[in-house]
Amino acid sequence: MPNGFLSPVYSQVTVRTDPEAPGITEFAEYCVCTVHWRNLTTGAAGAVSPSRFTGPVLTGSGTVVTVLTVNGLSDRVGVLTALPGAGTWNVP
């Protein structure tokens, strides 16, 4: 691939919850992205950029919805097509 172009990248973020750790969400994958989340049950909200250094996130128990946005690639040469993601899960 010519210098200055980005290679195609597919990334997904998965989450884990544990009934023995209520109210906690763990992001199992990492990417150059930000996950914006909101707990529809409690109203709590936040954002996290999942990395191998990110610990569990206190989302609270309830239904959590998210949208994922891509970070930090606007300064690179080339064309980037970023499709935002979304998800919903229940936290015990």
PDB file of N, CA and C in Angstrom:
ATOM      1  N   MET A   1       0.851  -1.174   0.000  1.00  0.00           N
ATOM      2  CA  MET A   1       0.000   0.000   0.000  1.00  0.00           C
ATOM      3  C   MET A   1       0.897   1.239   0.000  1.00  0.00           C
ATOM      4  N   PRO A   2       0.632   2.238  -0.819  1.00  0.00           N
ATOM      5  CA  PRO A   2       1.476   3.434  -0.883  1.00  0.00           C
ATOM      6  C   PRO A   2       1.552   4.142   0.466  1.00  0.00           C
ATOM      7  N   ASN A   3       2.698   4.746   0.729  1.00  0.00           N
ATOM      8  CA  ASN A   3       2.887   5.487   1.961  1.00  0.00           C
ATOM      9  C   ASN A   3       1.874   6.627   2.056  1.00  0.00           C
ATOM     10  N   GLY A   4       1.308   6.837   3.241  1.00  0.00           N
ATOM     11  CA  GLY A   4       0.355   7.913   3.434  1.00  0.00           C
ATOM     12  C   GLY A   4      -1.098   7.469   3.373  1.00  0.00           C
ATOM     13  N   PHE A   5      -1.333   6.191   3.107  1.00  0.00           N
ATOM     14  CA  PHE A   5      -2.702   5.687   3.069  1.00  0.00           C
ATOM     15  C   PHE A   5      -2.936   4.757   4.251  1.00  0.00           C
ATOM     16  N   LEU A   6      -4.154   4.730   4.716  1.00  0.00           N
ATOM     17  CA  LEU A   6      -4.514   3.858   5.824  1.00  0.00           C
ATOM     18  C   LEU A   6      -4.981   2.516   5.289  1.00  0.00           C
ATOM     19  N   SER A   7      -4.568   1.466   5.935  1.00  0.00           N
ATOM     20  CA  SER A   7      -5.070   0.156   5.550  1.00  0.00           C
ATOM     21  C   SER A   7      -6.433  -0.056   6.183  1.00  0.00           C
ATOM     22  N   PRO A   8      -7.269  -0.880   5.577  1.00  0.00           N
ATOM     23  CA  PRO A   8      -8.588  -1.138   6.140  1.00  0.00           C
ATOM     24  C   PRO A   8      -8.472  -1.782   7.521  1.00  0.00           C
ATOM     25  N   VAL A   9      -9.276  -1.323   8.440  1.00  0.00           N
ATOM     26  CA  VAL A   9      -9.271  -1.853   9.799  1.00  0.00           C
ATOM     27  C   VAL A   9     -10.706  -2.098  10.222  1.00  0.00           C
ATOM     28  N   TYR A  10     -10.937  -3.254  10.780  1.00  0.00           N
ATOM     29  CA  TYR A  10     -12.243  -3.559  11.345  1.00  0.00           C
ATOM     30  C   TYR A  10     -12.037  -3.754  12.831  1.00  0.00           C
ATOM     31  N   SER A  11     -12.811  -3.082  13.619  1.00  0.00           N
ATOM     32  CA  SER A  11     -12.667  -3.195  15.059  1.00  0.00           C
ATOM     33  C   SER A  11     -14.041  -3.244  15.687  1.00  0.00           C
ATOM     34  N   GLN A  12     -14.145  -3.989  16.758  1.00  0.00           N
ATOM     35  CA  GLN A  12     -15.387  -4.018  17.510  1.00  0.00           C
ATOM     36  C   GLN A  12     -15.035  -3.993  18.986  1.00  0.00           C
ATOM     37  N   VAL A  13     -15.952  -3.518  19.771  1.00  0.00           N
ATOM     38  CA  VAL A  13     -15.775  -3.488  21.217  1.00  0.00           C
ATOM     39  C   VAL A  13     -16.814  -4.423  21.808  1.00  0.00           C
ATOM     40  N   THR A  14     -16.384  -5.325  22.654  1.00  0.00           N
ATOM     41  CA  THR A  14     -17.318  -6.209  23.338  1.00  0.00           C
ATOM     42  C   THR A  14     -17.304  -5.880  24.822  1.00  0.00           C
ATOM     43  N   VAL A  15     -18.397  -6.186  25.477  1.00  0.00           N
ATOM     44  CA  VAL A  15     -18.508  -5.912  26.904  1.00  0.00           C
ATOM     45  C   VAL A  15     -18.787  -7.206  27.654  1.00  0.00           C
ATOM     46  N   ARG A  16     -18.391  -7.202  28.931  1.00  0.00           N
ATOM     47  CA  ARG A  16     -18.678  -8.320  29.813  1.00  0.00           C
ATOM     48  C   ARG A  16     -19.281  -7.777  31.095  1.00  0.00           C
ATOM     49  N   THR A  17     -20.229  -8.519  31.615  1.00  0.00           N
ATOM     50  CA  THR A  17     -20.774  -8.218  32.935  1.00  0.00           C
ATOM     51  C   THR A  17     -20.725  -9.505  33.746  1.00  0.00           C
ATOM     52  N   ASP A  18     -20.758  -9.369  35.060  1.00  0.00           N
ATOM     53  CA  ASP A  18     -20.660 -10.519  35.946  1.00  0.00           C
ATOM     54  C   ASP A  18     -21.715 -10.368  37.043  1.00  0.00           C
ATOM     55  N   PRO A  19     -22.617 -11.341  37.183  1.00  0.00           N
ATOM     56  CA  PRO A  19     -23.638 -11.254  38.234  1.00  0.00           C
ATOM     57  C   PRO A  19     -23.041 -11.113  39.638  1.00  0.00           C
ATOM     58  N   GLU A  20     -21.791 -11.550  39.821  1.00  0.00           N
ATOM     59  CA  GLU A  20     -21.146 -11.425  41.130  1.00  0.00           C
ATOM     60  C   GLU A  20     -20.514 -10.051  41.337  1.00  0.00           C
ATOM     61  N   ALA A  21     -20.530  -9.210  40.299  1.00  0.00           N
ATOM     62  CA  ALA A  21     -20.024  -7.832  40.394  1.00  0.00           C
ATOM     63  C   ALA A  21     -21.097  -6.900  39.841  1.00  0.00           C
ATOM     64  N   PRO A  22     -22.226  -6.735  40.543  1.00  0.00           N
ATOM     65  CA  PRO A  22     -23.330  -5.925  40.012  1.00  0.00           C
ATOM     66  C   PRO A  22     -22.918  -4.473  39.767  1.00  0.00           C
ATOM     67  N   GLY A  23     -23.473  -3.932  38.684  1.00  0.00           N
ATOM     68  CA  GLY A  23     -23.235  -2.531  38.354  1.00  0.00           C
ATOM     69  C   GLY A  23     -21.944  -2.259  37.618  1.00  0.00           C
ATOM     70  N   ILE A  24     -21.195  -3.302  37.274  1.00  0.00           N
ATOM     71  CA  ILE A  24     -19.886  -3.140  36.633  1.00  0.00           C
ATOM     72  C   ILE A  24     -19.946  -3.653  35.196  1.00  0.00           C
ATOM     73  N   THR A  25     -19.379  -2.875  34.283  1.00  0.00           N
ATOM     74  CA  THR A  25     -19.203  -3.298  32.895  1.00  0.00           C
ATOM     75  C   THR A  25     -17.716  -3.299  32.597  1.00  0.00           C
ATOM     76  N   GLU A  26     -17.255  -4.345  31.954  1.00  0.00           N
ATOM     77  CA  GLU A  26     -15.859  -4.419  31.541  1.00  0.00           C
ATOM     78  C   GLU A  26     -15.805  -4.458  30.022  1.00  0.00           C
ATOM     79  N   PHE A  27     -15.017  -3.576  29.423  1.00  0.00           N
ATOM     80  CA  PHE A  27     -14.844  -3.552  27.975  1.00  0.00           C
ATOM     81  C   PHE A  27     -13.719  -4.518  27.628  1.00  0.00           C
ATOM     82  N   ALA A  28     -14.060  -5.574  26.880  1.00  0.00           N
ATOM     83  CA  ALA A  28     -13.138  -6.682  26.643  1.00  0.00           C
ATOM     84  C   ALA A  28     -12.192  -6.447  25.474  1.00  0.00           C
ATOM     85  N   GLU A  29     -12.462  -5.518  24.623  1.00  0.00           N
ATOM     86  CA  GLU A  29     -11.603  -5.217  23.480  1.00  0.00           C
ATOM     87  C   GLU A  29     -11.228  -3.745  23.557  1.00  0.00           C
ATOM     88  N   TYR A  30     -10.179  -3.360  22.861  1.00  0.00           N
ATOM     89  CA  TYR A  30      -9.822  -1.946  22.836  1.00  0.00           C
ATOM     90  C   TYR A  30      -9.643  -1.477  21.406  1.00  0.00           C
ATOM     91  N   CYS A  31      -9.819  -0.171  21.229  1.00  0.00           N
ATOM     92  CA  CYS A  31      -9.739   0.424  19.907  1.00  0.00           C
ATOM     93  C   CYS A  31      -9.408   1.896  20.054  1.00  0.00           C
ATOM     94  N   VAL A  32      -9.220   2.566  18.944  1.00  0.00           N
ATOM     95  CA  VAL A  32      -9.013   4.010  18.935  1.00  0.00           C
ATOM     96  C   VAL A  32     -10.397   4.636  18.821  1.00  0.00           C
ATOM     97  N   CYS A  33     -11.144   4.586  19.917  1.00  0.00           N
ATOM     98  CA  CYS A  33     -12.532   5.020  19.893  1.00  0.00           C
ATOM     99  C   CYS A  33     -12.941   5.496  21.281  1.00  0.00           C
ATOM    100  N   THR A  34     -14.098   6.108  21.344  1.00  0.00           N
ATOM    101  CA  THR A  34     -14.710   6.459  22.619  1.00  0.00           C
ATOM    102  C   THR A  34     -16.088   5.838  22.655  1.00  0.00           C
ATOM    103  N   VAL A  35     -16.382   5.180  23.759  1.00  0.00           N
ATOM    104  CA  VAL A  35     -17.705   4.612  23.982  1.00  0.00           C
ATOM    105  C   VAL A  35     -18.448   5.555  24.923  1.00  0.00           C
ATOM    106  N   HIS A  36     -19.506   6.171  24.421  1.00  0.00           N
ATOM    107  CA  HIS A  36     -20.358   7.057  25.217  1.00  0.00           C
ATOM    108  C   HIS A  36     -21.522   6.201  25.699  1.00  0.00           C
ATOM    109  N   TRP A  37     -21.721   6.102  27.012  1.00  0.00           N
ATOM    110  CA  TRP A  37     -22.757   5.227  27.536  1.00  0.00           C
ATOM    111  C   TRP A  37     -23.738   5.975  28.434  1.00  0.00           C
ATOM    112  N   ARG A  38     -24.937   5.430  28.527  1.00  0.00           N
ATOM    113  CA  ARG A  38     -25.967   5.957  29.433  1.00  0.00           C
ATOM    114  C   ARG A  38     -26.757   4.787  29.981  1.00  0.00           C
ATOM    115  N   ASN A  39     -26.944   4.800  31.288  1.00  0.00           N
ATOM    116  CA  ASN A  39     -27.778   3.810  31.946  1.00  0.00           C
ATOM    117  C   ASN A  39     -29.202   4.351  31.939  1.00  0.00           C
ATOM    118  N   LEU A  40     -30.087   3.711  31.188  1.00  0.00           N
ATOM    119  CA  LEU A  40     -31.463   4.185  31.064  1.00  0.00           C
ATOM    120  C   LEU A  40     -32.263   4.001  32.351  1.00  0.00           C
ATOM    121  N   THR A  41     -31.829   3.086  33.204  1.00  0.00           N
ATOM    122  CA  THR A  41     -32.529   2.825  34.454  1.00  0.00           C
ATOM    123  C   THR A  41     -32.217   3.885  35.503  1.00  0.00           C
ATOM    124  N   THR A  42     -30.940   4.290  35.601  1.00  0.00           N
ATOM    125  CA  THR A  42     -30.524   5.229  36.648  1.00  0.00           C
ATOM    126  C   THR A  42     -30.263   6.643  36.142  1.00  0.00           C
ATOM    127  N   GLY A  43     -30.026   6.799  34.833  1.00  0.00           N
ATOM    128  CA  GLY A  43     -29.688   8.107  34.267  1.00  0.00           C
ATOM    129  C   GLY A  43     -28.198   8.400  34.280  1.00  0.00           C
ATOM    130  N   ALA A  44     -27.392   7.532  34.895  1.00  0.00           N
ATOM    131  CA  ALA A  44     -25.943   7.742  34.919  1.00  0.00           C
ATOM    132  C   ALA A  44     -25.395   7.687  33.498  1.00  0.00           C
ATOM    133  N   ALA A  45     -24.337   8.450  33.248  1.00  0.00           N
ATOM    134  CA  ALA A  45     -23.747   8.488  31.911  1.00  0.00           C
ATOM    135  C   ALA A  45     -22.251   8.716  32.029  1.00  0.00           C
ATOM    136  N   GLY A  46     -21.543   8.387  30.964  1.00  0.00           N
ATOM    137  CA  GLY A  46     -20.109   8.602  30.944  1.00  0.00           C
ATOM    138  C   GLY A  46     -19.536   8.253  29.592  1.00  0.00           C
ATOM    139  N   ALA A  47     -18.231   8.314  29.512  1.00  0.00           N
ATOM    140  CA  ALA A  47     -17.524   7.964  28.288  1.00  0.00           C
ATOM    141  C   ALA A  47     -16.212   7.302  28.679  1.00  0.00           C
ATOM    142  N   VAL A  48     -15.785   6.363  27.865  1.00  0.00           N
ATOM    143  CA  VAL A  48     -14.540   5.652  28.119  1.00  0.00           C
ATOM    144  C   VAL A  48     -13.893   5.336  26.778  1.00  0.00           C
ATOM    145  N   SER A  49     -12.556   5.419  26.753  1.00  0.00           N
ATOM    146  CA  SER A  49     -11.801   5.006  25.575  1.00  0.00           C
ATOM    147  C   SER A  49     -11.146   3.679  25.924  1.00  0.00           C
ATOM    148  N   PRO A  50     -11.752   2.569  25.499  1.00  0.00           N
ATOM    149  CA  PRO A  50     -11.250   1.255  25.913  1.00  0.00           C
ATOM    150  C   PRO A  50      -9.816   1.011  25.450  1.00  0.00           C
ATOM    151  N   SER A  51      -8.970   0.623  26.388  1.00  0.00           N
ATOM    152  CA  SER A  51      -7.595   0.246  26.089  1.00  0.00           C
ATOM    153  C   SER A  51      -7.222  -0.884  27.035  1.00  0.00           C
ATOM    154  N   ARG A  52      -6.041  -1.423  26.841  1.00  0.00           N
ATOM    155  CA  ARG A  52      -5.634  -2.508  27.732  1.00  0.00           C
ATOM    156  C   ARG A  52      -5.395  -2.010  29.149  1.00  0.00           C
ATOM    157  N   PHE A  53      -5.392  -0.681  29.354  1.00  0.00           N
ATOM    158  CA  PHE A  53      -5.200  -0.108  30.674  1.00  0.00           C
ATOM    159  C   PHE A  53      -6.510   0.312  31.322  1.00  0.00           C
ATOM    160  N   THR A  54      -7.620   0.216  30.590  1.00  0.00           N
ATOM    161  CA  THR A  54      -8.910   0.622  31.124  1.00  0.00           C
ATOM    162  C   THR A  54      -9.433  -0.463  32.051  1.00  0.00           C
ATOM    163  N   GLY A  55      -9.784  -0.069  33.234  1.00  0.00           N
ATOM    164  CA  GLY A  55     -10.355  -1.028  34.173  1.00  0.00           C
ATOM    165  C   GLY A  55     -11.857  -1.099  34.013  1.00  0.00           C
ATOM    166  N   PRO A  56     -12.512  -1.843  34.894  1.00  0.00           N
ATOM    167  CA  PRO A  56     -13.971  -1.938  34.856  1.00  0.00           C
ATOM    168  C   PRO A  56     -14.612  -0.563  35.032  1.00  0.00           C
ATOM    169  N   VAL A  57     -15.780  -0.402  34.445  1.00  0.00           N
ATOM    170  CA  VAL A  57     -16.506   0.875  34.492  1.00  0.00           C
ATOM    171  C   VAL A  57     -17.756   0.695  35.336  1.00  0.00           C
ATOM    172  N   LEU A  58     -17.987   1.609  36.264  1.00  0.00           N
ATOM    173  CA  LEU A  58     -19.177   1.566  37.103  1.00  0.00           C
ATOM    174  C   LEU A  58     -20.333   2.213  36.343  1.00  0.00           C
ATOM    175  N   THR A  59     -21.073   1.389  35.612  1.00  0.00           N
ATOM    176  CA  THR A  59     -22.225   1.875  34.855  1.00  0.00           C
ATOM    177  C   THR A  59     -23.491   1.821  35.694  1.00  0.00           C
ATOM    178  N   GLY A  60     -23.484   1.044  36.763  1.00  0.00           N
ATOM    179  CA  GLY A  60     -24.678   0.816  37.568  1.00  0.00           C
ATOM    180  C   GLY A  60     -25.516  -0.288  36.953  1.00  0.00           C
ATOM    181  N   SER A  61     -26.385  -0.854  37.765  1.00  0.00           N
ATOM    182  CA  SER A  61     -27.265  -1.918  37.284  1.00  0.00           C
ATOM    183  C   SER A  61     -28.387  -1.329  36.456  1.00  0.00           C
ATOM    184  N   GLY A  62     -28.793  -2.040  35.419  1.00  0.00           N
ATOM    185  CA  GLY A  62     -29.885  -1.594  34.563  1.00  0.00           C
ATOM    186  C   GLY A  62     -29.552  -1.761  33.101  1.00  0.00           C
ATOM    187  N   THR A  63     -30.361  -1.155  32.257  1.00  0.00           N
ATOM    188  CA  THR A  63     -30.162  -1.215  30.813  1.00  0.00           C
ATOM    189  C   THR A  63     -29.214  -0.104  30.390  1.00  0.00           C
ATOM    190  N   VAL A  64     -28.123  -0.482  29.734  1.00  0.00           N
ATOM    191  CA  VAL A  64     -27.111   0.480  29.295  1.00  0.00           C
ATOM    192  C   VAL A  64     -27.130   0.546  27.771  1.00  0.00           C
ATOM    193  N   VAL A  65     -27.134   1.760  27.236  1.00  0.00           N
ATOM    194  CA  VAL A  65     -27.058   1.974  25.793  1.00  0.00           C
ATOM    195  C   VAL A  65     -25.768   2.740  25.499  1.00  0.00           C
ATOM    196  N   THR A  66     -25.205   2.505  24.311  1.00  0.00           N
ATOM    197  CA  THR A  66     -23.950   3.158  23.955  1.00  0.00           C
ATOM    198  C   THR A  66     -23.937   3.593  22.503  1.00  0.00           C
ATOM    199  N   VAL A  67     -23.055   4.523  22.225  1.00  0.00           N
ATOM    200  CA  VAL A  67     -22.680   4.860  20.858  1.00  0.00           C
ATOM    201  C   VAL A  67     -21.162   4.968  20.861  1.00  0.00           C
ATOM    202  N   LEU A  68     -20.542   4.487  19.801  1.00  0.00           N
ATOM    203  CA  LEU A  68     -19.095   4.447  19.694  1.00  0.00           C
ATOM    204  C   LEU A  68     -18.656   5.403  18.588  1.00  0.00           C
ATOM    205  N   THR A  69     -17.684   6.246  18.882  1.00  0.00           N
ATOM    206  CA  THR A  69     -17.141   7.165  17.889  1.00  0.00           C
ATOM    207  C   THR A  69     -15.638   6.922  17.754  1.00  0.00           C
ATOM    208  N   VAL A  70     -15.081   7.205  16.579  1.00  0.00           N
ATOM    209  CA  VAL A  70     -13.664   6.986  16.306  1.00  0.00           C
ATOM    210  C   VAL A  70     -12.874   8.228  16.698  1.00  0.00           C
ATOM    211  N   ASN A  71     -11.711   8.030  17.326  1.00  0.00           N
ATOM    212  CA  ASN A  71     -10.867   9.125  17.816  1.00  0.00           C
ATOM    213  C   ASN A  71      -9.609   9.306  16.983  1.00  0.00           C
ATOM    214  N   GLY A  72      -9.082  10.506  16.996  1.00  0.00           N
ATOM    215  CA  GLY A  72      -7.709  10.804  16.660  1.00  0.00           C
ATOM    216  C   GLY A  72      -7.172  10.421  15.307  1.00  0.00           C
ATOM    217  N   LEU A  73      -7.977  10.246  14.301  1.00  0.00           N
ATOM    218  CA  LEU A  73      -7.442   9.874  13.003  1.00  0.00           C
ATOM    219  C   LEU A  73      -7.546  11.010  11.986  1.00  0.00           C
ATOM    220  N   SER A  74      -8.065  12.142  12.380  1.00  0.00           N
ATOM    221  CA  SER A  74      -8.283  13.234  11.431  1.00  0.00           C
ATOM    222  C   SER A  74      -6.976  13.879  10.969  1.00  0.00           C
ATOM    223  N   ASP A  75      -5.878  13.672  11.716  1.00  0.00           N
ATOM    224  CA  ASP A  75      -4.616  14.301  11.339  1.00  0.00           C
ATOM    225  C   ASP A  75      -3.783  13.433  10.395  1.00  0.00           C
ATOM    226  N   ARG A  76      -4.269  12.262  10.037  1.00  0.00           N
ATOM    227  CA  ARG A  76      -3.529  11.373   9.143  1.00  0.00           C
ATOM    228  C   ARG A  76      -3.911  11.615   7.692  1.00  0.00           C
ATOM    229  N   VAL A  77      -2.951  11.379   6.813  1.00  0.00           N
ATOM    230  CA  VAL A  77      -3.191  11.526   5.383  1.00  0.00           C
ATOM    231  C   VAL A  77      -3.964  10.304   4.894  1.00  0.00           C
ATOM    232  N   GLY A  78      -4.866  10.499   3.980  1.00  0.00           N
ATOM    233  CA  GLY A  78      -5.620   9.385   3.430  1.00  0.00           C
ATOM    234  C   GLY A  78      -7.109   9.583   3.654  1.00  0.00           C
ATOM    235  N   VAL A  79      -7.837   8.600   3.270  1.00  0.00           N
ATOM    236  CA  VAL A  79      -9.287   8.661   3.392  1.00  0.00           C
ATOM    237  C   VAL A  79      -9.707   7.671   4.463  1.00  0.00           C
ATOM    238  N   LEU A  80     -10.566   8.100   5.351  1.00  0.00           N
ATOM    239  CA  LEU A  80     -11.044   7.244   6.431  1.00  0.00           C
ATOM    240  C   LEU A  80     -12.559   7.207   6.402  1.00  0.00           C
ATOM    241  N   THR A  81     -13.094   6.023   6.335  1.00  0.00           N
ATOM    242  CA  THR A  81     -14.533   5.847   6.465  1.00  0.00           C
ATOM    243  C   THR A  81     -14.783   5.220   7.821  1.00  0.00           C
ATOM    244  N   ALA A  82     -15.443   5.933   8.683  1.00  0.00           N
ATOM    245  CA  ALA A  82     -15.714   5.436  10.026  1.00  0.00           C
ATOM    246  C   ALA A  82     -17.214   5.317  10.215  1.00  0.00           C
ATOM    247  N   LEU A  83     -17.639   4.120  10.516  1.00  0.00           N
ATOM    248  CA  LEU A  83     -19.045   3.886  10.795  1.00  0.00           C
ATOM    249  C   LEU A  83     -19.208   3.764  12.302  1.00  0.00           C
ATOM    250  N   PRO A  84     -19.934   4.672  12.931  1.00  0.00           N
ATOM    251  CA  PRO A  84     -20.111   4.585  14.375  1.00  0.00           C
ATOM    252  C   PRO A  84     -20.922   3.341  14.722  1.00  0.00           C
ATOM    253  N   GLY A  85     -20.714   2.859  15.919  1.00  0.00           N
ATOM    254  CA  GLY A  85     -21.448   1.685  16.378  1.00  0.00           C
ATOM    255  C   GLY A  85     -22.361   2.044  17.523  1.00  0.00           C
ATOM    256  N   ALA A  86     -23.241   1.144  17.850  1.00  0.00           N
ATOM    257  CA  ALA A  86     -24.159   1.330  18.966  1.00  0.00           C
ATOM    258  C   ALA A  86     -24.444  -0.020  19.585  1.00  0.00           C
ATOM    259  N   GLY A  87     -24.854  -0.020  20.841  1.00  0.00           N
ATOM    260  CA  GLY A  87     -25.156  -1.281  21.505  1.00  0.00           C
ATOM    261  C   GLY A  87     -26.026  -1.062  22.714  1.00  0.00           C
ATOM    262  N   THR A  88     -26.605  -2.152  23.192  1.00  0.00           N
ATOM    263  CA  THR A  88     -27.448  -2.150  24.383  1.00  0.00           C
ATOM    264  C   THR A  88     -27.201  -3.444  25.125  1.00  0.00           C
ATOM    265  N   TRP A  89     -27.132  -3.374  26.447  1.00  0.00           N
ATOM    266  CA  TRP A  89     -27.031  -4.587  27.254  1.00  0.00           C
ATOM    267  C   TRP A  89     -27.589  -4.316  28.638  1.00  0.00           C
ATOM    268  N   ASN A  90     -27.849  -5.391  29.361  1.00  0.00           N
ATOM    269  CA  ASN A  90     -28.364  -5.281  30.723  1.00  0.00           C
ATOM    270  C   ASN A  90     -27.252  -5.625  31.702  1.00  0.00           C
ATOM    271  N   VAL A  91     -27.059  -4.751  32.667  1.00  0.00           N
ATOM    272  CA  VAL A  91     -26.035  -4.952  33.691  1.00  0.00           C
ATOM    273  C   VAL A  91     -26.738  -5.447  34.951  1.00  0.00           C
ATOM    274  N   PRO A  92     -26.284  -6.577  35.502  1.00  0.00           N
ATOM    275  CA  PRO A  92     -26.933  -7.100  36.713  1.00  0.00           C
ATOM    276  C   PRO A  92     -26.737  -6.184  37.910  1.00  0.00           C
TER     277      PRO A  92
END
